[in-house]
Amino acid sequence: MKKRILFETYFLGFIFLLSGFIKSTDTTLFIQTISMYGIKYIEYAAPVIIIIEIYIGLAFLLQKNKYQITIFGLFFILSMQNAILRRP
């Protein structure tokens, strides 16, 4: 069971790193994708989002538990804010 959790943690870290690096290769396309969702003020935060995503991947790979909890809390808050803003 412990090996499975360790594998899943490393896999999730790899996914975050891969996603962050792919987005960092073409930030203008990422900004255009964000703007298609109608969230204009997030366009300016696109480089910061990419850096945070790479940081999350490194946190998972390096097994920093207190950082993981903080980051998941941050994403939860941002997701809830996005859901509230999209209400009709």
C-alpha atoms as a PDB file:
ATOM      1  CA  MET A   1       0.000   0.000   0.000  1.00  0.00           C
ATOM      2  CA  LYS A   2       2.826   2.357   0.875  1.00  0.00           C
ATOM      3  CA  LYS A   3       4.565   1.656  -2.438  1.00  0.00           C
ATOM      4  CA  ARG A   4       1.357   2.457  -4.306  1.00  0.00           C
ATOM      5  CA  ILE A   5       0.970   5.813  -2.565  1.00  0.00           C
ATOM      6  CA  LEU A   6       4.614   6.615  -3.261  1.00  0.00           C
ATOM      7  CA  PHE A   7       4.159   5.706  -6.934  1.00  0.00           C
ATOM      8  CA  GLU A   8       1.030   7.853  -7.203  1.00  0.00           C
ATOM      9  CA  THR A   9       2.809  10.783  -5.559  1.00  0.00           C
ATOM     10  CA  TYR A  10       5.720  10.581  -7.976  1.00  0.00           C
ATOM     11  CA  PHE A  11       3.369  10.134 -10.929  1.00  0.00           C
ATOM     12  CA  LEU A  12       1.349  13.203  -9.929  1.00  0.00           C
ATOM     13  CA  GLY A  13       4.555  15.216  -9.511  1.00  0.00           C
ATOM     14  CA  PHE A  14       5.707  14.145 -12.963  1.00  0.00           C
ATOM     15  CA  ILE A  15       2.349  15.161 -14.480  1.00  0.00           C
ATOM     16  CA  PHE A  16       2.527  18.613 -12.867  1.00  0.00           C
ATOM     17  CA  LEU A  17       6.117  19.111 -14.058  1.00  0.00           C
ATOM     18  CA  LEU A  18       5.319  17.950 -17.576  1.00  0.00           C
ATOM     19  CA  SER A  19       2.268  20.200 -17.774  1.00  0.00           C
ATOM     20  CA  GLY A  20       4.202  23.192 -16.451  1.00  0.00           C
ATOM     21  CA  PHE A  21       7.053  22.710 -18.902  1.00  0.00           C
ATOM     22  CA  ILE A  22       4.690  22.278 -21.852  1.00  0.00           C
ATOM     23  CA  LYS A  23       2.839  25.479 -20.914  1.00  0.00           C
ATOM     24  CA  SER A  24       6.128  27.330 -20.478  1.00  0.00           C
ATOM     25  CA  THR A  25       7.189  26.546 -24.043  1.00  0.00           C
ATOM     26  CA  ASP A  26       4.269  28.541 -25.482  1.00  0.00           C
ATOM     27  CA  THR A  27       2.880  30.957 -22.925  1.00  0.00           C
ATOM     28  CA  THR A  28       0.940  32.989 -25.502  1.00  0.00           C
ATOM     29  CA  LEU A  29      -1.127  29.930 -26.433  1.00  0.00           C
ATOM     30  CA  PHE A  30      -1.792  29.309 -22.737  1.00  0.00           C
ATOM     31  CA  ILE A  31      -2.902  32.931 -22.308  1.00  0.00           C
ATOM     32  CA  GLN A  32      -5.209  32.624 -25.327  1.00  0.00           C
ATOM     33  CA  THR A  33      -6.681  29.424 -23.897  1.00  0.00           C
ATOM     34  CA  ILE A  34      -7.376  31.143 -20.592  1.00  0.00           C
ATOM     35  CA  SER A  35      -8.949  34.136 -22.335  1.00  0.00           C
ATOM     36  CA  MET A  36     -11.333  31.824 -24.237  1.00  0.00           C
ATOM     37  CA  TYR A  37     -12.905  30.934 -20.891  1.00  0.00           C
ATOM     38  CA  GLY A  38     -13.746  34.596 -20.357  1.00  0.00           C
ATOM     39  CA  ILE A  39     -11.517  35.241 -17.360  1.00  0.00           C
ATOM     40  CA  LYS A  40      -9.667  38.373 -18.405  1.00  0.00           C
ATOM     41  CA  TYR A  41      -7.811  39.181 -15.192  1.00  0.00           C
ATOM     42  CA  ILE A  42      -6.190  35.715 -15.048  1.00  0.00           C
ATOM     43  CA  GLU A  43      -4.353  36.410 -18.321  1.00  0.00           C
ATOM     44  CA  TYR A  44      -1.841  38.523 -16.444  1.00  0.00           C
ATOM     45  CA  ALA A  45      -1.223  35.748 -13.945  1.00  0.00           C
ATOM     46  CA  ALA A  46      -0.469  33.069 -16.574  1.00  0.00           C
ATOM     47  CA  PRO A  47       3.328  33.080 -16.021  1.00  0.00           C
ATOM     48  CA  VAL A  48       2.786  32.837 -12.279  1.00  0.00           C
ATOM     49  CA  ILE A  49       0.399  29.895 -12.774  1.00  0.00           C
ATOM     50  CA  ILE A  50       3.071  28.084 -14.787  1.00  0.00           C
ATOM     51  CA  ILE A  51       5.707  28.661 -12.123  1.00  0.00           C
ATOM     52  CA  ILE A  52       3.338  27.466  -9.382  1.00  0.00           C
ATOM     53  CA  GLU A  53       2.569  24.340 -11.397  1.00  0.00           C
ATOM     54  CA  ILE A  54       6.257  23.507 -11.755  1.00  0.00           C
ATOM     55  CA  TYR A  55       6.712  24.185  -8.041  1.00  0.00           C
ATOM     56  CA  ILE A  56       3.874  21.788  -7.193  1.00  0.00           C
ATOM     57  CA  GLY A  57       5.512  19.093  -9.305  1.00  0.00           C
ATOM     58  CA  LEU A  58       8.797  19.577  -7.499  1.00  0.00           C
ATOM     59  CA  ALA A  59       7.027  19.541  -4.130  1.00  0.00           C
ATOM     60  CA  PHE A  60       5.460  16.177  -4.941  1.00  0.00           C
ATOM     61  CA  LEU A  61       8.714  14.714  -6.214  1.00  0.00           C
ATOM     62  CA  LEU A  62      10.697  15.983  -3.216  1.00  0.00           C
ATOM     63  CA  GLN A  63       8.013  14.848  -0.726  1.00  0.00           C
ATOM     64  CA  LYS A  64       7.373  18.202   0.948  1.00  0.00           C
ATOM     65  CA  ASN A  65       4.119  17.468   2.784  1.00  0.00           C
ATOM     66  CA  LYS A  66       3.448  20.851   4.363  1.00  0.00           C
ATOM     67  CA  TYR A  67       3.870  22.533   0.992  1.00  0.00           C
ATOM     68  CA  GLN A  68       1.478  20.097  -0.663  1.00  0.00           C
ATOM     69  CA  ILE A  69      -1.259  20.910   1.813  1.00  0.00           C
ATOM     70  CA  THR A  70      -0.709  24.638   1.326  1.00  0.00           C
ATOM     71  CA  ILE A  71      -0.765  24.324  -2.441  1.00  0.00           C
ATOM     72  CA  PHE A  72      -3.895  22.187  -2.492  1.00  0.00           C
ATOM     73  CA  GLY A  73      -5.575  24.750  -0.262  1.00  0.00           C
ATOM     74  CA  LEU A  74      -4.538  27.533  -2.628  1.00  0.00           C
ATOM     75  CA  PHE A  75      -5.924  25.704  -5.648  1.00  0.00           C
ATOM     76  CA  PHE A  76      -9.144  24.944  -3.793  1.00  0.00           C
ATOM     77  CA  ILE A  77      -9.613  28.641  -3.022  1.00  0.00           C
ATOM     78  CA  LEU A  78      -8.890  29.631  -6.632  1.00  0.00           C
ATOM     79  CA  SER A  79     -11.246  26.951  -7.959  1.00  0.00           C
ATOM     80  CA  MET A  80     -14.042  28.079  -5.671  1.00  0.00           C
ATOM     81  CA  GLN A  81     -13.471  31.691  -6.699  1.00  0.00           C
ATOM     82  CA  ASN A  82     -13.721  30.675 -10.347  1.00  0.00           C
ATOM     83  CA  ALA A  83     -16.935  28.736  -9.679  1.00  0.00           C
ATOM     84  CA  ILE A  84     -18.485  31.691  -7.852  1.00  0.00           C
ATOM     85  CA  LEU A  85     -17.588  34.110 -10.646  1.00  0.00           C
ATOM     86  CA  ARG A  86     -19.201  31.860 -13.278  1.00  0.00           C
ATOM     87  CA  ARG A  87     -22.604  31.726 -11.577  1.00  0.00           C
ATOM     88  CA  PRO A  88     -25.408  33.261 -13.631  1.00  0.00           C
END
